[in-house]
Amino acid sequence: MNHLMKKVFALAGALILTLALTAPAWAAAPEEAHPAGEQTEESSLGLKAVAAGIAIGIAAAGGAVGMGLATAKSAEGIARQPEAEGKIRTTLMLGLVFIETAIIYALLVVILIIFVL
């Protein structure tokens, strides 16, 4: 139960930090009033920046957790069966490459959000 509470507090802290860092983008008000439903170029850019930051943050955090768990489990497996070290290491490297590829795809999506949309 104590371990679960630590995870909940860490997640809540990360959420609060994300909201605190994106507050300036939400606080910027346009200088003149615009009709309802019409967005200015500045507000659109701010929303893109917030979306890009949240997307790459989630992808990087998920990848980091996945890589950490994979590395821990592979070290545990090598400690239990030292004779299988080569196969475990190969499988670990292949898994890490796939995780890193998913993070790079997220980066490409963020770049598309910023420059294309």
N, C-alpha and C. Protein backbone atom coordinates (compact mmCIF):
# COMPACT_ATOMS: atom_id res chain seq x y z
N MET A 1 0.82 -1.19 0.00
CA MET A 1 0.00 0.00 0.00
C MET A 1 0.87 1.26 0.00
N ASN A 2 1.96 1.21 0.75
CA ASN A 2 2.85 2.36 0.84
C ASN A 2 3.48 2.66 -0.53
N HIS A 3 3.83 1.61 -1.27
CA HIS A 3 4.42 1.78 -2.59
C HIS A 3 3.41 2.42 -3.55
N LEU A 4 2.16 2.02 -3.45
CA LEU A 4 1.11 2.59 -4.29
C LEU A 4 0.91 4.08 -3.98
N MET A 5 0.96 4.44 -2.72
CA MET A 5 0.79 5.85 -2.34
C MET A 5 1.94 6.70 -2.88
N LYS A 6 3.16 6.15 -2.88
CA LYS A 6 4.29 6.89 -3.44
C LYS A 6 4.08 7.15 -4.92
N LYS A 7 3.56 6.15 -5.63
CA LYS A 7 3.30 6.33 -7.06
C LYS A 7 2.21 7.37 -7.29
N VAL A 8 1.17 7.34 -6.46
CA VAL A 8 0.08 8.31 -6.61
C VAL A 8 0.59 9.73 -6.35
N PHE A 9 1.40 9.90 -5.31
CA PHE A 9 1.95 11.23 -5.02
C PHE A 9 2.90 11.69 -6.12
N ALA A 10 3.69 10.78 -6.68
CA ALA A 10 4.60 11.15 -7.76
C ALA A 10 3.81 11.57 -8.99
N LEU A 11 2.75 10.85 -9.31
CA LEU A 11 1.92 11.21 -10.45
C LEU A 11 1.22 12.55 -10.23
N ALA A 12 0.71 12.76 -9.02
CA ALA A 12 0.06 14.03 -8.70
C ALA A 12 1.06 15.18 -8.78
N GLY A 13 2.27 14.96 -8.32
CA GLY A 13 3.31 15.99 -8.40
C GLY A 13 3.67 16.32 -9.84
N ALA A 14 3.75 15.29 -10.69
CA ALA A 14 4.05 15.52 -12.10
C ALA A 14 2.92 16.30 -12.77
N LEU A 15 1.67 15.99 -12.41
CA LEU A 15 0.53 16.71 -12.97
C LEU A 15 0.53 18.17 -12.54
N ILE A 16 0.80 18.41 -11.28
CA ILE A 16 0.85 19.78 -10.77
C ILE A 16 1.98 20.56 -11.44
N LEU A 17 3.15 19.92 -11.61
CA LEU A 17 4.27 20.57 -12.28
C LEU A 17 3.92 20.91 -13.73
N THR A 18 3.26 19.98 -14.42
CA THR A 18 2.85 20.23 -15.81
C THR A 18 1.89 21.41 -15.89
N LEU A 19 0.91 21.44 -15.01
CA LEU A 19 -0.04 22.55 -15.01
C LEU A 19 0.63 23.87 -14.66
N ALA A 20 1.59 23.83 -13.74
CA ALA A 20 2.29 25.05 -13.36
C ALA A 20 3.13 25.59 -14.51
N LEU A 21 3.75 24.68 -15.28
CA LEU A 21 4.59 25.13 -16.38
C LEU A 21 3.78 25.61 -17.58
N THR A 22 2.54 25.14 -17.71
CA THR A 22 1.71 25.57 -18.84
C THR A 22 0.82 26.75 -18.49
N ALA A 23 0.85 27.21 -17.26
CA ALA A 23 -0.01 28.33 -16.84
C ALA A 23 0.22 29.60 -17.65
N PRO A 24 1.47 29.98 -17.98
CA PRO A 24 1.65 31.21 -18.77
C PRO A 24 0.98 31.15 -20.14
N ALA A 25 0.92 29.98 -20.75
CA ALA A 25 0.27 29.86 -22.06
C ALA A 25 -1.23 30.09 -21.94
N TRP A 26 -1.82 29.68 -20.84
CA TRP A 26 -3.25 29.86 -20.64
C TRP A 26 -3.57 31.27 -20.16
N ALA A 27 -2.63 31.92 -19.50
CA ALA A 27 -2.89 33.23 -18.91
C ALA A 27 -2.81 34.36 -19.92
N ALA A 28 -2.15 34.16 -21.03
CA ALA A 28 -1.99 35.22 -22.02
C ALA A 28 -3.34 35.52 -22.67
N ALA A 29 -3.79 36.75 -22.53
CA ALA A 29 -5.08 37.16 -23.10
C ALA A 29 -4.83 38.00 -24.35
N PRO A 30 -5.70 37.87 -25.35
CA PRO A 30 -5.55 38.70 -26.54
C PRO A 30 -5.79 40.17 -26.20
N GLU A 31 -5.17 41.06 -26.96
CA GLU A 31 -5.28 42.48 -26.67
C GLU A 31 -6.64 43.06 -27.03
N GLU A 32 -7.27 42.52 -28.05
CA GLU A 32 -8.58 43.02 -28.44
C GLU A 32 -9.58 41.88 -28.44
N ALA A 33 -10.81 42.21 -28.27
CA ALA A 33 -11.85 41.18 -28.21
C ALA A 33 -12.14 40.65 -29.61
N HIS A 34 -12.33 39.33 -29.68
CA HIS A 34 -12.66 38.68 -30.94
C HIS A 34 -14.02 38.01 -30.80
N PRO A 35 -14.72 37.86 -31.89
CA PRO A 35 -16.02 37.17 -31.83
C PRO A 35 -15.86 35.75 -31.29
N ALA A 36 -16.89 35.24 -30.67
CA ALA A 36 -16.85 33.91 -30.07
C ALA A 36 -16.58 32.86 -31.15
N GLY A 37 -15.71 31.90 -30.82
CA GLY A 37 -15.41 30.83 -31.75
C GLY A 37 -14.25 31.12 -32.67
N GLU A 38 -13.82 32.36 -32.77
CA GLU A 38 -12.72 32.71 -33.66
C GLU A 38 -11.43 32.75 -32.85
N GLN A 39 -10.44 31.99 -33.29
CA GLN A 39 -9.16 31.97 -32.59
C GLN A 39 -8.15 32.82 -33.34
N THR A 40 -7.31 33.48 -32.59
CA THR A 40 -6.24 34.25 -33.21
C THR A 40 -5.06 33.34 -33.45
N GLU A 41 -4.11 33.84 -34.21
CA GLU A 41 -2.89 33.08 -34.49
C GLU A 41 -2.11 32.84 -33.21
N GLU A 42 -2.08 33.82 -32.31
CA GLU A 42 -1.33 33.69 -31.07
C GLU A 42 -1.93 32.63 -30.16
N SER A 43 -3.24 32.61 -30.01
CA SER A 43 -3.85 31.62 -29.12
C SER A 43 -3.71 30.23 -29.70
N SER A 44 -3.76 30.10 -31.02
CA SER A 44 -3.57 28.81 -31.66
C SER A 44 -2.15 28.31 -31.43
N LEU A 45 -1.19 29.19 -31.51
CA LEU A 45 0.20 28.81 -31.27
C LEU A 45 0.40 28.38 -29.83
N GLY A 46 -0.23 29.07 -28.90
CA GLY A 46 -0.11 28.70 -27.49
C GLY A 46 -0.71 27.33 -27.22
N LEU A 47 -1.86 27.04 -27.82
CA LEU A 47 -2.47 25.74 -27.64
C LEU A 47 -1.64 24.63 -28.27
N LYS A 48 -1.01 24.93 -29.40
CA LYS A 48 -0.12 23.95 -30.02
C LYS A 48 1.07 23.66 -29.11
N ALA A 49 1.60 24.69 -28.49
CA ALA A 49 2.74 24.51 -27.60
C ALA A 49 2.36 23.66 -26.39
N VAL A 50 1.19 23.91 -25.83
CA VAL A 50 0.73 23.13 -24.68
C VAL A 50 0.51 21.67 -25.09
N ALA A 51 -0.14 21.46 -26.24
CA ALA A 51 -0.39 20.10 -26.72
C ALA A 51 0.92 19.37 -27.00
N ALA A 52 1.86 20.05 -27.61
CA ALA A 52 3.14 19.43 -27.92
C ALA A 52 3.90 19.08 -26.65
N GLY A 53 3.89 19.98 -25.69
CA GLY A 53 4.60 19.72 -24.44
C GLY A 53 4.00 18.54 -23.67
N ILE A 54 2.70 18.48 -23.61
CA ILE A 54 2.05 17.38 -22.90
C ILE A 54 2.28 16.06 -23.64
N ALA A 55 2.19 16.08 -24.97
CA ALA A 55 2.36 14.85 -25.74
C ALA A 55 3.76 14.28 -25.61
N ILE A 56 4.77 15.10 -25.75
CA ILE A 56 6.14 14.59 -25.67
C ILE A 56 6.49 14.24 -24.23
N GLY A 57 5.90 14.95 -23.27
CA GLY A 57 6.14 14.61 -21.87
C GLY A 57 5.58 13.25 -21.51
N ILE A 58 4.37 12.96 -21.96
CA ILE A 58 3.76 11.66 -21.68
C ILE A 58 4.55 10.55 -22.38
N ALA A 59 4.94 10.79 -23.63
CA ALA A 59 5.69 9.78 -24.37
C ALA A 59 7.05 9.51 -23.72
N ALA A 60 7.74 10.57 -23.32
CA ALA A 60 9.05 10.39 -22.70
C ALA A 60 8.93 9.73 -21.33
N ALA A 61 7.93 10.10 -20.56
CA ALA A 61 7.75 9.49 -19.24
C ALA A 61 7.39 8.01 -19.36
N GLY A 62 6.50 7.70 -20.30
CA GLY A 62 6.14 6.30 -20.51
C GLY A 62 7.32 5.48 -20.98
N GLY A 63 8.10 6.04 -21.90
CA GLY A 63 9.29 5.34 -22.38
C GLY A 63 10.32 5.14 -21.29
N ALA A 64 10.50 6.15 -20.46
CA ALA A 64 11.47 6.04 -19.36
C ALA A 64 11.06 4.96 -18.37
N VAL A 65 9.77 4.92 -18.04
CA VAL A 65 9.29 3.88 -17.12
C VAL A 65 9.47 2.50 -17.74
N GLY A 66 9.12 2.38 -19.02
CA GLY A 66 9.27 1.10 -19.70
C GLY A 66 10.73 0.65 -19.78
N MET A 67 11.61 1.57 -20.08
CA MET A 67 13.03 1.23 -20.15
C MET A 67 13.58 0.84 -18.78
N GLY A 68 13.16 1.56 -17.76
CA GLY A 68 13.62 1.23 -16.42
C GLY A 68 13.15 -0.15 -15.98
N LEU A 69 11.89 -0.46 -16.24
CA LEU A 69 11.37 -1.78 -15.87
C LEU A 69 12.06 -2.89 -16.67
N ALA A 70 12.27 -2.66 -17.96
CA ALA A 70 12.93 -3.67 -18.78
C ALA A 70 14.36 -3.92 -18.32
N THR A 71 15.07 -2.86 -17.99
CA THR A 71 16.44 -3.01 -17.52
C THR A 71 16.49 -3.73 -16.18
N ALA A 72 15.58 -3.38 -15.29
CA ALA A 72 15.55 -4.03 -13.97
C ALA A 72 15.24 -5.52 -14.11
N LYS A 73 14.27 -5.85 -14.94
CA LYS A 73 13.90 -7.26 -15.11
C LYS A 73 15.00 -8.04 -15.81
N SER A 74 15.70 -7.42 -16.74
CA SER A 74 16.79 -8.14 -17.40
C SER A 74 17.96 -8.37 -16.45
N ALA A 75 18.26 -7.40 -15.60
CA ALA A 75 19.31 -7.59 -14.60
C ALA A 75 18.92 -8.69 -13.62
N GLU A 76 17.65 -8.73 -13.26
CA GLU A 76 17.15 -9.78 -12.38
C GLU A 76 17.24 -11.15 -13.05
N GLY A 77 16.90 -11.20 -14.33
CA GLY A 77 16.99 -12.47 -15.07
C GLY A 77 18.42 -12.94 -15.22
N ILE A 78 19.35 -12.03 -15.48
CA ILE A 78 20.76 -12.40 -15.60
C ILE A 78 21.30 -12.88 -14.26
N ALA A 79 20.84 -12.24 -13.17
CA ALA A 79 21.29 -12.67 -11.84
C ALA A 79 20.79 -14.07 -11.52
N ARG A 80 19.59 -14.41 -11.98
CA ARG A 80 19.04 -15.74 -11.71
C ARG A 80 19.65 -16.81 -12.60
N GLN A 81 19.89 -16.46 -13.87
CA GLN A 81 20.45 -17.43 -14.81
C GLN A 81 21.61 -16.80 -15.57
N PRO A 82 22.79 -16.82 -15.01
CA PRO A 82 23.95 -16.19 -15.67
C PRO A 82 24.29 -16.84 -17.02
N GLU A 83 23.94 -18.10 -17.20
CA GLU A 83 24.26 -18.76 -18.47
C GLU A 83 23.40 -18.25 -19.63
N ALA A 84 22.28 -17.61 -19.34
CA ALA A 84 21.40 -17.07 -20.38
C ALA A 84 21.64 -15.58 -20.61
N GLU A 85 22.79 -15.09 -20.19
CA GLU A 85 23.06 -13.65 -20.28
C GLU A 85 22.99 -13.13 -21.71
N GLY A 86 23.53 -13.85 -22.66
CA GLY A 86 23.54 -13.39 -24.05
C GLY A 86 22.15 -13.23 -24.63
N LYS A 87 21.29 -14.22 -24.40
CA LYS A 87 19.92 -14.15 -24.92
C LYS A 87 19.12 -13.05 -24.23
N ILE A 88 19.30 -12.92 -22.92
CA ILE A 88 18.57 -11.88 -22.18
C ILE A 88 19.01 -10.50 -22.65
N ARG A 89 20.31 -10.31 -22.82
CA ARG A 89 20.82 -9.01 -23.25
C ARG A 89 20.33 -8.67 -24.66
N THR A 90 20.32 -9.64 -25.55
CA THR A 90 19.84 -9.40 -26.91
C THR A 90 18.36 -9.00 -26.91
N THR A 91 17.57 -9.72 -26.14
CA THR A 91 16.16 -9.40 -26.05
C THR A 91 15.94 -8.02 -25.43
N LEU A 92 16.74 -7.70 -24.42
CA LEU A 92 16.65 -6.38 -23.79
C LEU A 92 16.94 -5.27 -24.80
N MET A 93 18.02 -5.41 -25.55
CA MET A 93 18.38 -4.37 -26.52
C MET A 93 17.31 -4.20 -27.59
N LEU A 94 16.74 -5.30 -28.05
CA LEU A 94 15.68 -5.22 -29.04
C LEU A 94 14.45 -4.51 -28.46
N GLY A 95 14.10 -4.83 -27.24
CA GLY A 95 12.97 -4.16 -26.58
C GLY A 95 13.23 -2.68 -26.37
N LEU A 96 14.44 -2.32 -25.96
CA LEU A 96 14.77 -0.91 -25.77
C LEU A 96 14.71 -0.13 -27.08
N VAL A 97 15.11 -0.77 -28.16
CA VAL A 97 15.04 -0.11 -29.47
C VAL A 97 13.59 0.16 -29.84
N PHE A 98 12.70 -0.80 -29.60
CA PHE A 98 11.29 -0.59 -29.92
C PHE A 98 10.68 0.51 -29.05
N ILE A 99 11.04 0.57 -27.79
CA ILE A 99 10.53 1.63 -26.91
C ILE A 99 11.03 2.99 -27.39
N GLU A 100 12.30 3.07 -27.73
CA GLU A 100 12.87 4.33 -28.20
C GLU A 100 12.24 4.76 -29.52
N THR A 101 11.91 3.80 -30.37
CA THR A 101 11.25 4.11 -31.64
C THR A 101 9.88 4.74 -31.39
N ALA A 102 9.16 4.22 -30.42
CA ALA A 102 7.85 4.80 -30.10
C ALA A 102 8.00 6.25 -29.61
N ILE A 103 9.03 6.53 -28.85
CA ILE A 103 9.27 7.90 -28.38
C ILE A 103 9.63 8.82 -29.55
N ILE A 104 10.41 8.31 -30.49
CA ILE A 104 10.78 9.12 -31.66
C ILE A 104 9.54 9.38 -32.52
N TYR A 105 8.64 8.41 -32.64
CA TYR A 105 7.39 8.65 -33.37
C TYR A 105 6.57 9.75 -32.68
N ALA A 106 6.55 9.74 -31.37
CA ALA A 106 5.84 10.80 -30.64
C ALA A 106 6.48 12.15 -30.92
N LEU A 107 7.80 12.20 -31.00
CA LEU A 107 8.49 13.45 -31.32
C LEU A 107 8.12 13.92 -32.73
N LEU A 108 8.02 13.00 -33.68
CA LEU A 108 7.61 13.38 -35.03
C LEU A 108 6.19 13.93 -35.06
N VAL A 109 5.30 13.33 -34.29
CA VAL A 109 3.93 13.82 -34.21
C VAL A 109 3.91 15.23 -33.63
N VAL A 110 4.71 15.46 -32.61
CA VAL A 110 4.78 16.80 -32.00
C VAL A 110 5.31 17.81 -33.00
N ILE A 111 6.31 17.44 -33.77
CA ILE A 111 6.84 18.35 -34.79
C ILE A 111 5.76 18.66 -35.83
N LEU A 112 4.99 17.65 -36.21
CA LEU A 112 3.89 17.89 -37.15
C LEU A 112 2.83 18.81 -36.55
N ILE A 113 2.54 18.63 -35.28
CA ILE A 113 1.56 19.51 -34.61
C ILE A 113 2.03 20.95 -34.65
N ILE A 114 3.30 21.16 -34.36
CA ILE A 114 3.82 22.53 -34.29
C ILE A 114 3.88 23.19 -35.66
N PHE A 115 4.41 22.49 -36.67
CA PHE A 115 4.68 23.15 -37.95
C PHE A 115 3.61 22.96 -39.01
N VAL A 116 2.80 21.93 -38.94
CA VAL A 116 1.83 21.67 -40.00
C VAL A 116 0.43 22.14 -39.62
N LEU A 117 -0.02 21.82 -38.44
CA LEU A 117 -1.38 22.17 -38.04
C LEU A 117 -1.51 23.63 -37.67
